[in-house]
C-alpha atoms as a PDB file:
ATOM      1  CA  MET A   1      78.089  12.674   9.617  1.00  0.00           C
ATOM      2  CA  GLY A   2      75.348  15.579   9.757  1.00  0.00           C
ATOM      3  CA  HIS A   3      73.049  12.994   7.355  1.00  0.00           C
ATOM      4  CA  ASP A   4      70.732  10.125   6.955  1.00  0.00           C
ATOM      5  CA  LEU A   5      70.999   9.844   3.090  1.00  0.00           C
ATOM      6  CA  ARG A   6      74.899   9.783   2.436  1.00  0.00           C
ATOM      7  CA  LEU A   7      74.738   9.840  -1.298  1.00  0.00           C
ATOM      8  CA  SER A   8      73.058  11.354  -4.184  1.00  0.00           C
ATOM      9  CA  ILE A   9      73.528   9.433  -7.711  1.00  0.00           C
ATOM     10  CA  ILE A  10      72.371  12.094 -10.717  1.00  0.00           C
ATOM     11  CA  ILE A  11      72.228  11.027 -13.900  1.00  0.00           C
ATOM     12  CA  PRO A  12      71.598  13.180 -16.675  1.00  0.00           C
ATOM     13  CA  THR A  13      69.541  11.394 -19.665  1.00  0.00           C
ATOM     14  CA  LEU A  14      68.734  12.425 -22.881  1.00  0.00           C
ATOM     15  CA  ARG A  15      67.217   9.207 -25.322  1.00  0.00           C
ATOM     16  CA  GLU A  16      69.336   6.416 -23.496  1.00  0.00           C
ATOM     17  CA  GLU A  17      67.171   3.356 -23.536  1.00  0.00           C
ATOM     18  CA  ARG A  18      69.878   1.405 -24.660  1.00  0.00           C
ATOM     19  CA  PHE A  19      71.848   1.535 -21.607  1.00  0.00           C
ATOM     20  CA  ILE A  20      69.334   3.415 -18.878  1.00  0.00           C
ATOM     21  CA  GLY A  21      68.595   0.208 -17.360  1.00  0.00           C
ATOM     22  CA  ARG A  22      71.754  -2.022 -17.143  1.00  0.00           C
ATOM     23  CA  THR A  23      72.855   1.064 -15.522  1.00  0.00           C
ATOM     24  CA  LEU A  24      70.496   1.437 -13.153  1.00  0.00           C
ATOM     25  CA  GLU A  25      69.835  -2.150 -12.434  1.00  0.00           C
ATOM     26  CA  ASN A  26      73.236  -2.285 -11.354  1.00  0.00           C
ATOM     27  CA  LEU A  27      72.778  -0.098  -8.260  1.00  0.00           C
ATOM     28  CA  GLU A  28      70.143  -2.012  -6.974  1.00  0.00           C
ATOM     29  CA  SER A  29      72.759  -3.686  -4.779  1.00  0.00           C
ATOM     30  CA  LEU A  30      74.419  -0.862  -3.278  1.00  0.00           C
ATOM     31  CA  GLU A  31      73.452  -1.028   0.384  1.00  0.00           C
ATOM     32  CA  ILE A  32      74.396   2.187   1.968  1.00  0.00           C
ATOM     33  CA  PRO A  33      71.792   4.763   2.147  1.00  0.00           C
ATOM     34  CA  HIS A  34      71.077   6.769  -1.581  1.00  0.00           C
ATOM     35  CA  GLU A  35      69.068   8.270  -3.844  1.00  0.00           C
ATOM     36  CA  VAL A  36      68.739   7.700  -7.584  1.00  0.00           C
ATOM     37  CA  ILE A  37      67.937  11.059  -9.464  1.00  0.00           C
ATOM     38  CA  ILE A  38      67.036  11.291 -13.084  1.00  0.00           C
ATOM     39  CA  THR A  39      67.427  14.517 -15.224  1.00  0.00           C
ATOM     40  CA  ASP A  40      65.920  14.277 -18.735  1.00  0.00           C
ATOM     41  CA  GLY A  41      66.693  16.603 -21.178  1.00  0.00           C
ATOM     42  CA  GLY A  42      63.685  15.393 -23.493  1.00  0.00           C
ATOM     43  CA  SER A  43      63.647  11.643 -24.359  1.00  0.00           C
ATOM     44  CA  THR A  44      61.132  10.408 -27.154  1.00  0.00           C
ATOM     45  CA  ASP A  45      62.576   7.042 -26.932  1.00  0.00           C
ATOM     46  CA  ALA A  46      61.736   4.578 -23.902  1.00  0.00           C
ATOM     47  CA  THR A  47      64.032   6.115 -21.330  1.00  0.00           C
ATOM     48  CA  LEU A  48      62.281   7.735 -18.807  1.00  0.00           C
ATOM     49  CA  ASP A  49      59.652   4.764 -18.675  1.00  0.00           C
ATOM     50  CA  ILE A  50      62.594   2.145 -17.825  1.00  0.00           C
ATOM     51  CA  ALA A  51      63.988   4.759 -15.559  1.00  0.00           C
ATOM     52  CA  ARG A  52      60.880   5.516 -13.100  1.00  0.00           C
ATOM     53  CA  ARG A  53      61.257   1.840 -12.745  1.00  0.00           C
ATOM     54  CA  HIS A  54      63.644   2.505 -10.880  1.00  0.00           C
ATOM     55  CA  THR A  55      63.367   5.857  -9.149  1.00  0.00           C
ATOM     56  CA  ASP A  56      60.661   8.496  -8.573  1.00  0.00           C
ATOM     57  CA  LYS A  57      63.131  11.059  -8.154  1.00  0.00           C
ATOM     58  CA  ILE A  58      62.875  12.209 -12.096  1.00  0.00           C
ATOM     59  CA  ALA A  59      63.425  16.282 -13.344  1.00  0.00           C
ATOM     60  CA  VAL A  60      61.997  16.619 -17.165  1.00  0.00           C
ATOM     61  CA  TRP A  61      63.201  19.156 -19.693  1.00  0.00           C
ATOM     62  CA  THR A  62      60.580  21.199 -20.969  1.00  0.00           C
ATOM     63  CA  HIS A  63      62.023  24.489 -22.941  1.00  0.00           C
ATOM     64  CA  PRO A  64      62.483  24.238 -26.289  1.00  0.00           C
ATOM     65  CA  GLN A  65      66.459  25.135 -26.351  1.00  0.00           C
ATOM     66  CA  ARG A  66      68.319  22.007 -25.447  1.00  0.00           C
ATOM     67  CA  GLN A  67      69.701  21.729 -22.316  1.00  0.00           C
ATOM     68  CA  THR A  68      72.994  22.077 -21.149  1.00  0.00           C
ATOM     69  CA  PHE A  69      75.062  19.513 -19.353  1.00  0.00           C
ATOM     70  CA  GLY A  70      75.360  22.020 -16.119  1.00  0.00           C
ATOM     71  CA  GLN A  71      71.528  22.689 -16.464  1.00  0.00           C
ATOM     72  CA  ALA A  72      70.870  18.934 -16.103  1.00  0.00           C
ATOM     73  CA  LYS A  73      73.069  17.984 -13.404  1.00  0.00           C
ATOM     74  CA  ASN A  74      72.147  21.669 -11.357  1.00  0.00           C
ATOM     75  CA  ALA A  75      68.411  20.230 -11.719  1.00  0.00           C
ATOM     76  CA  GLY A  76      69.412  16.891  -9.648  1.00  0.00           C
ATOM     77  CA  ALA A  77      71.536  19.123  -7.708  1.00  0.00           C
ATOM     78  CA  ALA A  78      68.272  21.138  -6.274  1.00  0.00           C
ATOM     79  CA  LEU A  79      66.540  17.997  -5.904  1.00  0.00           C
ATOM     80  CA  ALA A  80      69.414  15.862  -3.792  1.00  0.00           C
ATOM     81  CA  THR A  81      69.097  15.362   0.187  1.00  0.00           C
ATOM     82  CA  GLY A  82      72.035  13.507   0.454  1.00  0.00           C
ATOM     83  CA  GLU A  83      75.253  14.458   1.747  1.00  0.00           C
ATOM     84  CA  PHE A  84      77.743  13.353  -1.276  1.00  0.00           C
ATOM     85  CA  LEU A  85      76.368  13.937  -4.871  1.00  0.00           C
ATOM     86  CA  VAL A  86      77.820  11.924  -7.567  1.00  0.00           C
ATOM     87  CA  PHE A  87      77.198  12.562 -11.092  1.00  0.00           C
ATOM     88  CA  ILE A  88      77.360   9.458 -13.349  1.00  0.00           C
ATOM     89  CA  ASP A  89      76.650   9.138 -17.276  1.00  0.00           C
ATOM     90  CA  ALA A  90      73.607   7.041 -17.860  1.00  0.00           C
ATOM     91  CA  ASP A  91      76.204   4.950 -19.469  1.00  0.00           C
ATOM     92  CA  VAL A  92      78.415   4.419 -16.626  1.00  0.00           C
ATOM     93  CA  ILE A  93      78.533   0.960 -14.615  1.00  0.00           C
ATOM     94  CA  ILE A  94      80.246   0.958 -11.144  1.00  0.00           C
ATOM     95  CA  PRO A  95      82.344  -2.032 -10.337  1.00  0.00           C
ATOM     96  CA  GLU A  96      80.874  -3.316  -6.824  1.00  0.00           C
ATOM     97  CA  PRO A  97      78.940  -0.203  -5.703  1.00  0.00           C
ATOM     98  CA  GLN A  98      78.820  -1.610  -2.281  1.00  0.00           C
ATOM     99  CA  ALA A  99      82.615  -1.813  -2.067  1.00  0.00           C
ATOM    100  CA  PHE A 100      83.640   0.935  -4.322  1.00  0.00           C
ATOM    101  CA  PHE A 101      81.318   3.684  -2.726  1.00  0.00           C
ATOM    102  CA  THR A 102      82.412   2.527   0.689  1.00  0.00           C
ATOM    103  CA  GLU A 103      85.868   2.948   0.017  1.00  0.00           C
ATOM    104  CA  LEU A 104      85.308   6.511  -1.772  1.00  0.00           C
ATOM    105  CA  LEU A 105      83.351   7.023   1.845  1.00  0.00           C
ATOM    106  CA  ARG A 106      85.957   6.163   3.948  1.00  0.00           C
ATOM    107  CA  SER A 107      88.710   8.493   2.224  1.00  0.00           C
ATOM    108  CA  PHE A 108      86.017  11.472   2.696  1.00  0.00           C
ATOM    109  CA  ASP A 109      85.313  11.212   5.789  1.00  0.00           C
ATOM    110  CA  ALA A 110      89.166  10.618   6.816  1.00  0.00           C
ATOM    111  CA  ASN A 111      90.017  13.737   5.116  1.00  0.00           C
ATOM    112  CA  GLU A 112      87.531  17.108   5.825  1.00  0.00           C
ATOM    113  CA  LYS A 113      89.418  18.891   3.410  1.00  0.00           C
ATOM    114  CA  LEU A 114      88.775  16.202   0.270  1.00  0.00           C
ATOM    115  CA  LEU A 115      86.469  17.758  -1.466  1.00  0.00           C
ATOM    116  CA  ALA A 116      85.928  16.256  -4.591  1.00  0.00           C
ATOM    117  CA  ALA A 117      86.995  12.711  -5.959  1.00  0.00           C
ATOM    118  CA  THR A 118      86.969  11.499  -9.823  1.00  0.00           C
ATOM    119  CA  VAL A 119      88.304   7.189 -10.658  1.00  0.00           C
ATOM    120  CA  PRO A 120      89.721   6.135 -13.643  1.00  0.00           C
ATOM    121  CA  LEU A 121      87.733   5.496 -16.822  1.00  0.00           C
ATOM    122  CA  LYS A 122      87.728   1.668 -18.287  1.00  0.00           C
ATOM    123  CA  PRO A 123      85.793   0.296 -21.323  1.00  0.00           C
ATOM    124  CA  TYR A 124      82.846  -1.849 -20.079  1.00  0.00           C
ATOM    125  CA  ALA A 125      84.471  -5.769 -19.639  1.00  0.00           C
ATOM    126  CA  GLU A 126      83.522  -7.045 -22.347  1.00  0.00           C
ATOM    127  CA  ASN A 127      84.875  -3.960 -25.036  1.00  0.00           C
ATOM    128  CA  ARG A 128      88.224  -4.301 -23.556  1.00  0.00           C
ATOM    129  CA  SER A 129      90.518  -4.271 -26.567  1.00  0.00           C
ATOM    130  CA  PHE A 130      94.072  -2.921 -26.522  1.00  0.00           C
ATOM    131  CA  ALA A 131      93.144   0.566 -28.408  1.00  0.00           C
ATOM    132  CA  ASP A 132      91.167   1.342 -25.714  1.00  0.00           C
ATOM    133  CA  ALA A 133      93.599   0.864 -23.057  1.00  0.00           C
ATOM    134  CA  PHE A 134      95.917   2.439 -24.647  1.00  0.00           C
ATOM    135  CA  TRP A 135      93.830   5.633 -25.298  1.00  0.00           C
ATOM    136  CA  SER A 136      92.578   5.775 -21.444  1.00  0.00           C
ATOM    137  CA  ALA A 137      95.752   6.143 -20.180  1.00  0.00           C
ATOM    138  CA  PRO A 138      96.964   9.217 -20.478  1.00  0.00           C
ATOM    139  CA  LEU A 139      93.482  10.269 -19.935  1.00  0.00           C
ATOM    140  CA  ASN A 140      93.636   8.938 -16.836  1.00  0.00           C
ATOM    141  CA  TRP A 141      96.834   9.917 -15.715  1.00  0.00           C
ATOM    142  CA  PHE A 142      96.132  13.076 -16.950  1.00  0.00           C
ATOM    143  CA  TYR A 143      93.728  13.612 -13.955  1.00  0.00           C
ATOM    144  CA  VAL A 144      95.743  11.468 -11.771  1.00  0.00           C
ATOM    145  CA  ILE A 145      98.557  13.955 -12.041  1.00  0.00           C
ATOM    146  CA  SER A 146      95.881  17.246 -12.392  1.00  0.00           C
ATOM    147  CA  ASN A 147      94.379  16.363  -8.723  1.00  0.00           C
ATOM    148  CA  ASN A 148      97.143  14.306  -7.156  1.00  0.00           C
ATOM    149  CA  LEU A 149     100.211  16.676  -7.728  1.00  0.00           C
ATOM    150  CA  PHE A 150      99.568  19.614  -8.675  1.00  0.00           C
ATOM    151  CA  HIS A 151      96.020  20.224  -7.112  1.00  0.00           C
ATOM    152  CA  SER A 152      95.195  21.590 -10.169  1.00  0.00           C
ATOM    153  CA  GLY A 153      91.734  19.915 -10.404  1.00  0.00           C
ATOM    154  CA  ASN A 154      90.591  18.909 -13.546  1.00  0.00           C
ATOM    155  CA  SER A 155      87.657  15.674 -14.049  1.00  0.00           C
ATOM    156  CA  SER A 156      85.826  14.430 -17.142  1.00  0.00           C
ATOM    157  CA  GLY A 157      82.114  13.726 -16.409  1.00  0.00           C
ATOM    158  CA  GLU A 158      81.710   9.888 -16.375  1.00  0.00           C
ATOM    159  CA  PHE A 159      82.181   9.715 -12.594  1.00  0.00           C
ATOM    160  CA  GLN A 160      82.388  12.766 -10.129  1.00  0.00           C
ATOM    161  CA  MET A 161      81.408  12.967  -6.591  1.00  0.00           C
ATOM    162  CA  ILE A 162      81.499  16.223  -4.354  1.00  0.00           C
ATOM    163  CA  ARG A 163      80.525  16.677  -1.209  1.00  0.00           C
ATOM    164  CA  ARG A 164      77.292  18.650  -1.396  1.00  0.00           C
ATOM    165  CA  GLU A 165      77.828  21.835   1.083  1.00  0.00           C
ATOM    166  CA  ALA A 166      80.972  22.620  -1.678  1.00  0.00           C
ATOM    167  CA  PHE A 167      79.294  22.096  -4.513  1.00  0.00           C
ATOM    168  CA  ARG A 168      76.549  24.357  -3.076  1.00  0.00           C
ATOM    169  CA  ARG A 169      79.422  27.284  -2.159  1.00  0.00           C
ATOM    170  CA  ILE A 170      80.608  27.078  -5.045  1.00  0.00           C
ATOM    171  CA  GLY A 171      77.084  27.018  -7.550  1.00  0.00           C
ATOM    172  CA  GLY A 172      77.103  24.550  -8.781  1.00  0.00           C
ATOM    173  CA  TYR A 173      78.084  23.582 -12.417  1.00  0.00           C
ATOM    174  CA  HIS A 174      78.505  26.252 -15.390  1.00  0.00           C
ATOM    175  CA  GLU A 175      75.447  25.713 -17.045  1.00  0.00           C
ATOM    176  CA  LYS A 176      76.078  28.195 -20.330  1.00  0.00           C
ATOM    177  CA  LEU A 177      78.610  25.838 -20.899  1.00  0.00           C
ATOM    178  CA  ALA A 178      77.970  23.559 -23.995  1.00  0.00           C
ATOM    179  CA  ALA A 179      80.510  20.998 -22.600  1.00  0.00           C
ATOM    180  CA  GLY A 180      83.367  21.357 -20.075  1.00  0.00           C
ATOM    181  CA  GLU A 181      81.550  21.834 -17.262  1.00  0.00           C
ATOM    182  CA  ASP A 182      83.346  18.641 -15.956  1.00  0.00           C
ATOM    183  CA  ASN A 183      86.630  19.949 -15.555  1.00  0.00           C
ATOM    184  CA  GLU A 184      85.480  24.132 -14.955  1.00  0.00           C
ATOM    185  CA  ILE A 185      83.821  22.702 -11.736  1.00  0.00           C
ATOM    186  CA  PHE A 186      86.535  20.556 -10.251  1.00  0.00           C
ATOM    187  CA  ARG A 187      89.052  23.395 -10.996  1.00  0.00           C
ATOM    188  CA  GLN A 188      86.843  25.754  -8.550  1.00  0.00           C
ATOM    189  CA  ILE A 189      86.688  22.993  -5.910  1.00  0.00           C
ATOM    190  CA  ALA A 190      90.298  23.108  -6.146  1.00  0.00           C
ATOM    191  CA  ARG A 191      90.426  26.535  -4.959  1.00  0.00           C
ATOM    192  CA  HIS A 192      88.292  25.773  -1.624  1.00  0.00           C
ATOM    193  CA  GLY A 193      89.993  22.132  -1.041  1.00  0.00           C
ATOM    194  CA  ARG A 194      91.841  18.882  -2.669  1.00  0.00           C
ATOM    195  CA  THR A 195      90.247  16.939  -5.491  1.00  0.00           C
ATOM    196  CA  ILE A 196      91.528  13.727  -6.536  1.00  0.00           C
ATOM    197  CA  SER A 197      91.528  10.910  -8.884  1.00  0.00           C
ATOM    198  CA  TYR A 198      91.361   7.648  -6.635  1.00  0.00           C
ATOM    199  CA  ARG A 199      93.762   5.067  -8.811  1.00  0.00           C
ATOM    200  CA  LYS A 200      92.522   2.154  -6.794  1.00  0.00           C
ATOM    201  CA  LEU A 201      89.231   2.078  -8.398  1.00  0.00           C
ATOM    202  CA  CYS A 202      87.469   2.899 -11.592  1.00  0.00           C
ATOM    203  CA  VAL A 203      83.848   3.083 -13.084  1.00  0.00           C
ATOM    204  CA  ARG A 204      83.228   1.427 -16.863  1.00  0.00           C
ATOM    205  CA  HIS A 205      81.779   3.518 -19.903  1.00  0.00           C
ATOM    206  CA  SER A 206      80.868   2.371 -23.427  1.00  0.00           C
ATOM    207  CA  LEU A 207      83.145   5.150 -24.375  1.00  0.00           C
ATOM    208  CA  ARG A 208      81.016   5.632 -27.561  1.00  0.00           C
ATOM    209  CA  ARG A 209      82.327   8.658 -28.623  1.00  0.00           C
ATOM    210  CA  PRO A 210      85.452   7.196 -29.299  1.00  0.00           C
ATOM    211  CA  HIS A 211      84.145   3.815 -31.095  1.00  0.00           C
ATOM    212  CA  LYS A 212      82.033   5.802 -33.172  1.00  0.00           C
ATOM    213  CA  LEU A 213      84.315   8.821 -34.323  1.00  0.00           C
ATOM    214  CA  GLY A 214      87.498   7.691 -33.217  1.00  0.00           C
ATOM    215  CA  TRP A 215      90.463   7.836 -30.474  1.00  0.00           C
ATOM    216  CA  LEU A 216      92.055  10.445 -33.080  1.00  0.00           C
ATOM    217  CA  ARG A 217      88.875  12.709 -33.566  1.00  0.00           C
ATOM    218  CA  THR A 218      87.666  12.161 -29.783  1.00  0.00           C
ATOM    219  CA  TYR A 219      90.984  13.686 -28.040  1.00  0.00           C
ATOM    220  CA  GLY A 220      91.029  16.488 -30.246  1.00  0.00           C
ATOM    221  CA  ILE A 221      87.724  17.585 -30.044  1.00  0.00           C
ATOM    222  CA  TRP A 222      88.525  17.237 -26.065  1.00  0.00           C
ATOM    223  CA  LEU A 223      91.684  18.929 -26.244  1.00  0.00           C
ATOM    224  CA  LYS A 224      90.059  21.862 -28.454  1.00  0.00           C
ATOM    225  CA  ASN A 225      87.597  22.307 -26.232  1.00  0.00           C
ATOM    226  CA  GLY A 226      89.483  22.116 -22.757  1.00  0.00           C
ATOM    227  CA  PHE A 227      91.862  24.682 -23.961  1.00  0.00           C
ATOM    228  CA  SER A 228      88.703  26.938 -24.661  1.00  0.00           C
ATOM    229  CA  VAL A 229      87.011  26.849 -21.630  1.00  0.00           C
ATOM    230  CA  ALA A 230      90.803  26.839 -18.952  1.00  0.00           C
ATOM    231  CA  LEU A 231      91.753  30.193 -21.521  1.00  0.00           C
ATOM    232  CA  ARG A 232      88.360  32.045 -22.980  1.00  0.00           C
ATOM    233  CA  GLY A 233      85.389  30.878 -20.286  1.00  0.00           C
ATOM    234  CA  LYS A 234      83.737  29.137 -23.334  1.00  0.00           C
ATOM    235  CA  ALA A 235      82.977  26.699 -24.788  1.00  0.00           C
ATOM    236  CA  ALA A 236      84.867  25.554 -28.561  1.00  0.00           C
ATOM    237  CA  TYR A 237      81.300  24.136 -29.466  1.00  0.00           C
ATOM    238  CA  ASP A 238      77.623  25.900 -29.303  1.00  0.00           C
ATOM    239  CA  GLU A 239      75.882  22.410 -28.736  1.00  0.00           C
ATOM    240  CA  TRP A 240      77.522  19.485 -27.758  1.00  0.00           C
ATOM    241  CA  THR A 241      77.062  16.627 -30.514  1.00  0.00           C
ATOM    242  CA  VAL A 242      74.739  13.808 -29.165  1.00  0.00           C
ATOM    243  CA  VAL A 243      76.617  10.239 -30.130  1.00  0.00           C
ATOM    244  CA  ARG A 244      74.070   7.832 -29.667  1.00  0.00           C
END
């Protein structure tokens, strides 16, 4: 394979004490050679104390201005040594990590043109509701159609798995975007090879933004920013609102 370490799991954080422990504990069952990298945007709560119990690869943002998602993810990638870079949110749970990554790695190994993968997003098992299932479905199908049918590249940032060589070839995430860097990088990668949304798998997420703001308002924010990045090359917002 060319690498002893297969996975570098990169998790950006900012005041994530409520979720980060559960996310990191969930990864402890993963036996595939991997590393966990935390890139923290300047947390003032217990986030870093919790993270240090699980990994010593931690990058902390020390500048006065707020760190963008792209800066956080690129900082993690700079520390990574794995064959694949896996970017997840701090409140994402990967069901059965060993089986999950075994399945994805099998697909990557079978197709060298496959450069990046995402998976459908579902709510935490204990938070399942009809509303979440109803509103999550269009977004998940949009990514399936964009990647698997039109090969245009599209993905939200809750889970992205990218070949490290491909990531470096395109220069990583767009650091000046306040949001939308996740979709942008998949569109860039799709110009060089294949991207997929792997429908057989999923990750589970707190869905805290739609739960706090409402699904309709959240979709409006996503659509406004998505069109702005795609058509203007810049985010619709100067700063992405933190929801905790």
